[in-house]
Protein backbone atom coordinates (compact mmCIF):
# COMPACT_ATOMS: atom_id res chain seq x y z
CA UNK A 1 131.05 96.91 46.83
CA UNK A 2 132.14 98.98 49.82
CA UNK A 3 130.09 98.50 53.00
CA UNK A 4 128.34 101.72 54.23
CA UNK A 5 129.83 103.29 57.34
CA UNK A 6 126.45 103.16 59.15
CA UNK A 7 124.61 100.24 57.49
CA UNK A 8 121.79 100.11 60.07
CA UNK A 9 120.49 103.47 58.81
CA UNK A 10 119.57 101.83 55.49
CA UNK A 11 116.54 100.33 57.25
CA UNK A 12 113.46 102.59 57.09
CA UNK A 13 112.13 101.50 60.48
CA UNK A 14 115.48 102.16 62.12
CA UNK A 15 115.58 105.64 60.53
CA UNK A 16 112.19 106.40 62.13
CA UNK A 17 113.30 104.97 65.46
CA UNK A 18 116.50 107.03 65.34
CA UNK A 19 114.66 110.29 64.56
CA UNK A 20 111.92 109.85 67.18
CA UNK A 21 114.21 108.67 69.95
CA UNK A 22 116.79 111.36 69.17
CA UNK A 23 114.26 114.10 69.95
CA UNK A 24 112.68 112.37 72.95
CA UNK A 25 116.00 111.53 74.61
CA UNK A 26 117.04 115.19 74.72
CA UNK A 27 113.93 115.79 76.83
CA UNK A 28 114.72 112.76 78.99
CA UNK A 29 118.20 114.06 79.85
CA UNK A 30 116.77 117.52 80.56
CA UNK A 31 114.34 115.93 83.02
CA UNK A 32 117.09 113.92 84.70
CA UNK A 33 119.13 117.08 85.27
CA UNK A 34 116.08 119.07 86.40
CA UNK A 35 115.00 116.34 88.83
CA UNK A 36 118.32 116.05 90.67
CA UNK A 37 118.71 119.84 90.78
CA UNK A 38 115.15 120.34 92.08
CA UNK A 39 115.58 117.68 94.77
CA UNK A 40 118.89 119.16 95.91
CA UNK A 41 117.44 122.69 95.81
CA UNK A 42 114.48 121.62 97.98
CA UNK A 43 116.42 119.52 100.51
CA UNK A 44 120.21 120.24 100.30
CA UNK A 45 120.55 116.54 101.17
CA UNK A 46 122.81 114.06 99.34
CA UNK A 47 120.87 111.26 101.04
CA UNK A 48 117.58 112.52 99.57
CA UNK A 49 119.21 112.54 96.12
CA UNK A 50 120.00 108.88 96.76
CA UNK A 51 116.42 108.15 97.83
CA UNK A 52 114.98 109.70 94.64
CA UNK A 53 117.53 107.82 92.52
CA UNK A 54 116.62 104.62 94.37
CA UNK A 55 112.88 105.07 93.81
CA UNK A 56 113.27 105.68 90.07
CA UNK A 57 115.34 102.55 89.43
CA UNK A 58 114.43 99.92 92.06
CA UNK A 59 111.42 98.54 90.10
CA UNK A 60 113.90 97.48 87.38
CA UNK A 61 115.74 95.30 89.90
CA UNK A 62 112.65 93.35 90.94
CA UNK A 63 110.46 93.49 87.84
CA UNK A 64 112.87 93.43 84.87
CA UNK A 65 113.06 89.59 84.74
CA UNK A 66 109.23 89.42 84.53
CA UNK A 67 109.34 92.25 81.96
CA UNK A 68 111.67 90.04 79.92
CA UNK A 69 109.19 87.15 80.04
CA UNK A 70 106.43 89.55 78.90
CA UNK A 71 108.61 90.84 76.05
CA UNK A 72 109.35 87.29 74.85
CA UNK A 73 105.60 86.53 74.73
CA UNK A 74 103.96 89.71 73.43
CA UNK A 75 104.54 92.32 70.72
CA UNK A 76 107.55 94.49 71.58
CA UNK A 77 106.22 97.13 69.18
CA UNK A 78 102.86 97.52 70.96
CA UNK A 79 104.58 97.34 74.33
CA UNK A 80 106.82 100.28 73.42
CA UNK A 81 103.91 102.42 72.24
CA UNK A 82 102.19 101.81 75.60
CA UNK A 83 105.26 102.60 77.71
CA UNK A 84 105.94 105.82 75.76
CA UNK A 85 102.38 107.06 76.32
CA UNK A 86 102.66 106.35 80.07
CA UNK A 87 106.06 108.07 80.26
CA UNK A 88 104.61 111.15 78.54
CA UNK A 89 101.79 111.31 81.10
CA UNK A 90 104.32 111.03 83.96
CA UNK A 91 106.43 113.92 82.62
CA UNK A 92 103.41 116.15 82.05
CA UNK A 93 102.16 115.57 85.62
CA UNK A 94 105.64 116.47 86.91
CA UNK A 95 105.58 119.62 84.74
CA UNK A 96 102.14 120.63 86.04
CA UNK A 97 103.23 120.29 89.69
CA UNK A 98 106.47 122.22 89.12
CA UNK A 99 104.95 125.03 87.04
CA UNK A 100 102.16 125.63 89.59
CA UNK A 101 104.72 125.76 92.41
CA UNK A 102 103.10 123.07 94.55
CA UNK A 103 105.68 120.34 93.98
CA UNK A 104 107.16 118.61 97.03
CA UNK A 105 109.83 115.93 97.39
CA UNK A 106 107.24 113.19 97.98
CA UNK A 107 105.66 114.04 94.61
CA UNK A 108 109.03 113.55 92.92
CA UNK A 109 109.62 110.23 94.73
CA UNK A 110 106.14 108.91 93.81
CA UNK A 111 106.45 109.94 90.15
CA UNK A 112 110.02 108.58 89.99
CA UNK A 113 108.71 105.26 91.30
CA UNK A 114 105.99 105.29 88.61
CA UNK A 115 108.64 105.95 85.95
CA UNK A 116 110.64 103.05 87.38
CA UNK A 117 107.71 100.67 86.82
CA UNK A 118 107.44 101.91 83.22
CA UNK A 119 111.18 101.43 82.65
CA UNK A 120 111.08 97.85 83.99
CA UNK A 121 108.99 96.94 80.94
CA UNK A 122 110.24 99.56 78.49
CA UNK A 123 113.99 98.79 78.77
CA UNK A 124 113.90 95.05 77.88
CA UNK A 125 111.27 95.76 75.20
CA UNK A 126 113.45 98.47 73.66
CA UNK A 127 116.58 96.28 73.73
CA UNK A 128 114.79 93.28 72.23
CA UNK A 129 112.99 95.41 69.59
CA UNK A 130 116.21 96.70 67.96
CA UNK A 131 116.83 93.45 65.97
CA UNK A 132 113.33 93.84 64.46
CA UNK A 133 114.23 97.30 63.15
CA UNK A 134 117.16 96.29 60.92
CA UNK A 135 116.60 94.52 57.61
CA UNK A 136 119.89 92.61 57.70
CA UNK A 137 121.09 90.62 60.70
CA UNK A 138 124.72 91.66 60.20
CA UNK A 139 123.71 95.31 60.79
CA UNK A 140 122.60 94.60 64.39
CA UNK A 141 125.90 95.53 66.09
CA UNK A 142 125.94 98.80 64.13
CA UNK A 143 122.32 99.53 65.17
CA UNK A 144 123.18 99.01 68.85
CA UNK A 145 126.24 101.25 68.55
CA UNK A 146 124.25 103.98 66.75
CA UNK A 147 121.65 103.69 69.52
CA UNK A 148 124.35 104.37 72.12
CA UNK A 149 125.66 107.30 70.06
CA UNK A 150 122.13 108.74 69.86
CA UNK A 151 121.59 108.38 73.61
CA UNK A 152 124.84 110.16 74.32
CA UNK A 153 124.33 112.85 71.72
CA UNK A 154 121.16 113.63 73.68
CA UNK A 155 123.17 113.33 76.89
CA UNK A 156 125.40 116.12 75.56
CA UNK A 157 122.62 118.42 74.30
CA UNK A 158 119.93 117.79 76.96
CA UNK A 159 121.85 118.78 80.12
CA UNK A 160 123.46 121.79 78.40
CA UNK A 161 120.01 123.15 77.41
CA UNK A 162 118.50 122.02 80.73
CA UNK A 163 121.13 123.83 82.81
CA UNK A 164 120.47 127.10 80.95
CA UNK A 165 116.67 126.68 81.18
CA UNK A 166 116.76 125.93 84.92
CA UNK A 167 118.91 128.99 85.58
CA UNK A 168 116.56 131.27 83.62
CA UNK A 169 112.98 129.93 83.83
CA UNK A 170 113.05 127.01 86.30
CA UNK A 171 112.77 123.22 86.26
CA UNK A 172 109.09 123.04 85.25
CA UNK A 173 109.79 123.93 81.62
CA UNK A 174 112.34 121.10 81.37
CA UNK A 175 109.63 118.64 82.46
CA UNK A 176 107.13 120.18 80.02
CA UNK A 177 109.52 119.94 77.05
CA UNK A 178 110.28 116.33 77.98
CA UNK A 179 106.56 115.47 78.08
CA UNK A 180 105.95 117.03 74.67
CA UNK A 181 109.04 115.34 73.17
CA UNK A 182 107.37 111.93 73.56
CA UNK A 183 105.03 112.92 70.71
CA UNK A 184 108.00 112.49 68.32
CA UNK A 185 108.80 108.94 69.37
CA UNK A 186 105.15 107.85 69.47
CA UNK A 187 104.62 109.31 65.96
CA UNK A 188 107.75 107.50 64.71
CA UNK A 189 106.56 104.17 66.13
CA UNK A 190 103.10 104.58 64.56
CA UNK A 191 104.70 105.36 61.16
CA UNK A 192 106.65 102.07 61.12
CA UNK A 193 105.68 99.07 59.05
CA UNK A 194 106.34 96.19 61.44
CA UNK A 195 105.88 92.50 60.66
CA UNK A 196 102.89 90.99 62.52
CA UNK A 197 103.90 89.56 65.89
CA UNK A 198 103.78 85.77 66.03
CA UNK A 199 102.15 85.07 69.36
CA UNK A 200 104.04 82.20 70.97
CA UNK A 201 101.90 79.96 73.18
CA UNK A 202 103.81 79.70 76.48
CA UNK A 203 104.70 76.23 77.71
CA UNK A 204 105.38 77.23 81.32
CA UNK A 205 104.39 79.74 83.95
CA UNK A 206 106.24 83.10 84.24
CA UNK A 207 108.30 81.98 87.24
CA UNK A 208 109.57 78.96 85.30
CA UNK A 209 110.50 81.22 82.38
CA UNK A 210 112.34 83.63 84.68
CA UNK A 211 114.26 80.69 86.17
CA UNK A 212 115.07 79.41 82.68
CA UNK A 213 116.50 82.82 81.77
CA UNK A 214 118.66 82.92 84.92
CA UNK A 215 119.98 79.39 84.32
CA UNK A 216 120.76 80.19 80.66
CA UNK A 217 122.66 83.37 81.56
CA UNK A 218 124.53 82.33 84.69
CA UNK A 219 125.54 78.83 83.57
CA UNK A 220 127.47 80.32 80.62
CA UNK A 221 130.70 81.97 81.88
CA UNK A 222 131.02 84.76 79.22
CA UNK A 223 127.46 86.01 79.81
CA UNK A 224 127.81 85.62 83.59
CA UNK A 225 131.07 87.60 83.67
CA UNK A 226 129.68 90.45 81.55
CA UNK A 227 126.51 90.70 83.67
CA UNK A 228 128.50 90.72 86.93
CA UNK A 229 130.88 93.39 85.65
CA UNK A 230 127.90 95.50 84.49
CA UNK A 231 126.35 95.13 87.95
CA UNK A 232 129.55 96.31 89.64
CA UNK A 233 129.92 99.32 87.34
CA UNK A 234 126.27 100.28 87.86
CA UNK A 235 126.45 99.77 91.63
CA UNK A 236 129.64 101.78 92.22
CA UNK A 237 130.58 103.63 89.03
CA UNK A 238 127.26 105.33 88.35
CA UNK A 239 126.81 106.86 91.80
CA UNK A 240 128.33 109.98 90.23
CA UNK A 241 124.98 110.79 88.59
CA UNK A 242 123.46 111.77 91.96
CA UNK A 243 126.68 113.25 93.43
CA UNK A 244 127.47 115.67 90.59
CA UNK A 245 125.05 118.37 91.92
CA UNK A 246 126.80 118.19 95.32
CA UNK A 247 130.20 118.58 93.64
CA UNK A 248 128.89 121.41 91.44
CA UNK A 249 127.59 123.46 94.37
CA UNK A 250 129.76 122.56 97.37
CA UNK A 251 133.14 121.88 95.74
CA UNK A 252 133.09 123.95 92.54
CA UNK A 253 130.88 126.73 94.02
CA UNK A 254 128.58 126.79 90.98
CA UNK A 255 124.89 126.46 90.23
CA UNK A 256 122.53 124.80 87.73
CA UNK A 257 124.61 125.96 84.75
CA UNK A 258 127.74 124.36 86.25
CA UNK A 259 125.81 121.12 86.78
CA UNK A 260 124.60 121.26 83.16
CA UNK A 261 128.14 121.78 81.85
CA UNK A 262 129.50 118.87 83.92
CA UNK A 263 126.81 116.50 82.64
CA UNK A 264 127.32 117.79 79.08
CA UNK A 265 131.07 117.13 79.39
CA UNK A 266 130.28 113.56 80.40
CA UNK A 267 128.01 113.46 77.35
CA UNK A 268 130.87 114.55 75.07
CA UNK A 269 132.99 111.65 76.33
CA UNK A 270 130.09 109.23 75.94
CA UNK A 271 129.30 110.53 72.44
CA UNK A 272 132.94 110.01 71.44
CA UNK A 273 132.79 106.42 72.66
CA UNK A 274 129.47 105.85 70.92
CA UNK A 275 130.81 107.16 67.58
CA UNK A 276 133.84 104.90 67.91
CA UNK A 277 131.65 101.84 68.53
CA UNK A 278 129.28 102.80 65.68
CA UNK A 279 132.15 102.93 63.19
CA UNK A 280 133.70 99.59 64.24
CA UNK A 281 133.15 97.04 61.48
CA UNK A 282 133.28 93.91 63.67
CA UNK A 283 132.48 92.57 67.12
CA UNK A 284 135.97 91.07 67.34
CA UNK A 285 138.02 92.61 70.16
CA UNK A 286 134.95 93.70 72.09
CA UNK A 287 136.13 91.76 75.15
CA UNK A 288 139.11 94.11 75.47
CA UNK A 289 136.78 97.10 75.41
CA UNK A 290 134.53 95.60 78.09
CA UNK A 291 137.63 94.97 80.23
CA UNK A 292 139.15 98.44 79.67
CA UNK A 293 136.00 100.54 80.11
CA UNK A 294 135.62 100.28 83.93
CA UNK A 295 139.28 101.32 84.38
CA UNK A 296 138.70 104.44 82.25
CA UNK A 297 135.58 105.23 84.29
CA UNK A 298 137.39 104.60 87.60
CA UNK A 299 140.34 106.85 86.74
CA UNK A 300 137.91 109.56 85.58
CA UNK A 301 135.95 109.38 88.85
CA UNK A 302 139.05 109.63 91.03
CA UNK A 303 140.41 112.58 89.02
CA UNK A 304 137.00 114.33 89.14
CA UNK A 305 136.76 113.85 92.90
CA UNK A 306 140.18 115.50 93.42
CA UNK A 307 139.61 118.48 91.10
CA UNK A 308 138.73 121.91 92.50
CA UNK A 309 139.03 123.74 89.15
CA UNK A 310 136.03 123.72 86.77
CA UNK A 311 137.95 123.30 83.46
CA UNK A 312 139.84 120.32 84.93
CA UNK A 313 136.59 118.88 86.29
CA UNK A 314 135.02 119.16 82.82
CA UNK A 315 138.04 117.36 81.33
CA UNK A 316 137.82 114.50 83.85
CA UNK A 317 134.09 114.11 83.16
CA UNK A 318 134.97 113.30 79.53
CA UNK A 319 136.58 110.08 80.78
CA UNK A 320 133.66 109.33 83.09
CA UNK A 321 131.31 109.49 80.10
CA UNK A 322 133.68 107.58 77.81
CA UNK A 323 134.20 104.70 80.26
CA UNK A 324 130.48 104.49 81.02
CA UNK A 325 129.32 104.22 77.41
CA UNK A 326 132.06 101.78 76.38
CA UNK A 327 130.99 99.49 79.24
CA UNK A 328 127.25 99.74 78.55
CA UNK A 329 127.25 99.61 74.75
CA UNK A 330 130.02 97.04 74.31
CA UNK A 331 128.34 94.68 76.80
CA UNK A 332 124.97 95.19 75.09
CA UNK A 333 126.46 94.47 71.65
CA UNK A 334 128.18 91.31 72.88
CA UNK A 335 125.02 89.94 74.54
CA UNK A 336 122.72 90.79 71.61
CA UNK A 337 125.12 89.08 69.19
CA UNK A 338 125.37 85.72 70.96
CA UNK A 339 121.92 85.30 72.55
CA UNK A 340 119.41 82.76 71.23
CA UNK A 341 116.35 84.53 69.76
CA UNK A 342 113.79 82.81 71.98
CA UNK A 343 115.66 84.00 75.08
CA UNK A 344 116.52 87.52 73.89
CA UNK A 345 113.89 89.32 75.96
CA UNK A 346 114.83 87.47 79.13
CA UNK A 347 118.58 87.94 78.69
CA UNK A 348 118.14 91.65 77.95
CA UNK A 349 115.93 91.93 81.04
CA UNK A 350 118.77 90.42 83.10
CA UNK A 351 121.13 92.92 81.48
CA UNK A 352 118.65 95.66 82.41
CA UNK A 353 118.58 94.24 85.94
CA UNK A 354 122.39 94.20 86.19
CA UNK A 355 122.66 97.69 84.70
CA UNK A 356 119.58 99.73 85.68
CA UNK A 357 118.59 97.48 88.58
CA UNK A 358 121.83 97.98 90.52
CA UNK A 359 121.83 101.76 90.10
CA UNK A 360 119.18 102.42 92.82
CA UNK A 361 121.07 100.45 95.45
CA UNK A 362 124.24 102.27 94.43
CA UNK A 363 122.44 105.62 94.57
CA UNK A 364 121.21 104.90 98.08
CA UNK A 365 124.70 103.83 99.19
CA UNK A 366 126.30 106.82 97.46
CA UNK A 367 123.91 109.28 99.10
CA UNK A 368 124.47 107.67 102.51
CA UNK A 369 128.27 107.65 102.17
CA UNK A 370 128.36 111.22 100.84
CA UNK A 371 126.34 112.48 103.81
CA UNK A 372 128.95 110.95 106.18
CA UNK A 373 132.33 111.14 104.40
CA UNK A 374 131.61 113.69 101.65
CA UNK A 375 130.97 113.38 97.91
CA UNK A 376 134.67 113.54 96.97
CA UNK A 377 135.69 110.61 99.18
CA UNK A 378 132.70 108.58 97.98
CA UNK A 379 133.74 109.07 94.35
CA UNK A 380 137.30 107.92 95.14
CA UNK A 381 135.93 104.66 96.59
CA UNK A 382 133.72 104.23 93.50
CA UNK A 383 136.69 104.74 91.18
CA UNK A 384 138.85 102.19 93.01
CA UNK A 385 136.04 99.59 92.85
CA UNK A 386 135.71 100.07 89.07
CA UNK A 387 139.46 99.65 88.53
CA UNK A 388 139.47 96.43 90.61
CA UNK A 389 136.55 95.10 88.52
CA UNK A 390 138.47 95.89 85.33
CA UNK A 391 141.53 93.97 86.57
CA UNK A 392 139.48 90.89 87.57
CA UNK A 393 137.64 90.77 84.21
CA UNK A 394 140.92 91.22 82.28
CA UNK A 395 142.36 88.17 84.02
CA UNK A 396 139.30 86.11 83.05
CA UNK A 397 139.40 87.25 79.41
CA UNK A 398 141.76 84.59 77.92
CA UNK A 399 139.58 81.75 79.29
CA UNK A 400 136.37 83.47 78.10
CA UNK A 401 137.81 83.84 74.57
CA UNK A 402 138.41 80.09 74.34
CA UNK A 403 134.75 79.46 75.24
CA UNK A 404 133.51 82.05 72.71
CA UNK A 405 135.59 80.87 69.73
CA UNK A 406 133.28 77.95 68.67
CA UNK A 407 130.20 80.18 69.02
CA UNK A 408 131.74 82.93 66.86
CA UNK A 409 132.73 80.31 64.26
CA UNK A 410 129.21 78.84 64.28
CA UNK A 411 127.66 82.27 63.72
CA UNK A 412 130.15 83.07 60.94
CA UNK A 413 131.65 86.00 62.87
CA UNK A 414 135.16 84.57 62.58
CA UNK A 415 136.98 81.96 60.57
CA UNK A 416 139.27 79.44 62.23
CA UNK A 417 142.48 81.47 61.78
CA UNK A 418 141.14 84.72 63.27
CA UNK A 419 141.60 86.04 66.78
CA UNK A 420 138.49 86.41 68.95
């Protein structure tokens, strides 16, 4: 019997998750676009863009490991319902301030910080909850890939709609739509039939559990290498998210619509990568993808920084999006496949820390560099750093494959004669 192309969608709970998240994520990407545009419109400061980016992500750096301990101890399902309700409240407050015309930059920073605290718990809970949504263990890699495709489908649609809305009616309506979109994901979660959570009695304090997670991850070379590469890509490669508005206005002489198109172009590239990963039938060869992705991102960033012609800039952003999603989703799939179940929450919190947690520091550095040497030169430096990271990881890959072979054989992913 032929295997379905998207086997994860056979699971009812995953269907609900897919539908609810698909709607909510469009609102999330609209809010991200509206936030950076509003901050730049209020301040005209690349550094302030970096400060807002820093405030929204820095809680993940410090709190994600403790979030992972929480997620390993308590119901991921109930945790997600709570974080979604809090995120909806945050978006609606932002909408109220923007629509009444009283919003100031400090409001945005404070609410971004609040969202950061929510994300520090929500991200590891979301990552660790995915295996509970699929009925068959072998469908997990497909579920993760579909998740990435969904995120980047929203990344394509959200900024395109957001750019048009900002240009015509202002940022407040983007925040309002985002707040209301959380109703879909909360309704989907409540409609699920989830197995009762088996409350595990902890045999150590949270700090011991955090330490145990760090030792587990960083004493195993394949996990350590993937986490370090993710940290580098997040630190340098994702600075573009706060520098795109500067490029849109100062270099390409456009406005909110131009910014929306650039982010949507990145979404097209990311969606393409997500679809490719979703249709792969095996995890084999994923190391090559993890190694190649930062180089694609780096080349895209350098080409984007040098372009002064909107159609060419849109084309280069395809590669920025493609490289980004291949790095994020392939690394996620690899880690979720090999991790021990009792450490899943903690490992995914470390992945969240290496991915989301490094973004704020990178945003701050990117904003600071751009205010001194310009956005274009900053993006060139970012691109070079990503390419160097790709080369280093590629050189490590043969040794990492030898370590992974027995684990893949034990899990039944490969037989002795297959290539890792």
